Amino acid sequence: MRRCARAAEADEREEFPWDVYKALVAADLHTRSTVPEEYGGAGADALAAVIVIEEVARACASSSLIPAVNKLGTVPPAACRPPPR
């Protein structure tokens, strides 16, 4: 597993890596990407989310947890949503 220098710095300071999160948002690789289109998201499927997580992990395993946790957070609302009208 690879741990980037930025992750080590964030761990040492016990802080969330907002710069990494903002970079993922700027690249549209955050929560909105896996939210269904009818709810304002990009509509990416689970495979696309896994590819994003894997590619981020190539650079930094710690940073890949950001899109991974975001994906997990979108599962319950998506599973319980009413059918589109």
Foldseek 3Di string as FASTA:
>chain_A
DDADPLNVVCVVVVHDPVVLVVVCVVVLLALLQCACVVVPGVNDHPVVLVVSLVVVVVRHNVSSVRSVVSVVVRVVCVVPPDDDD
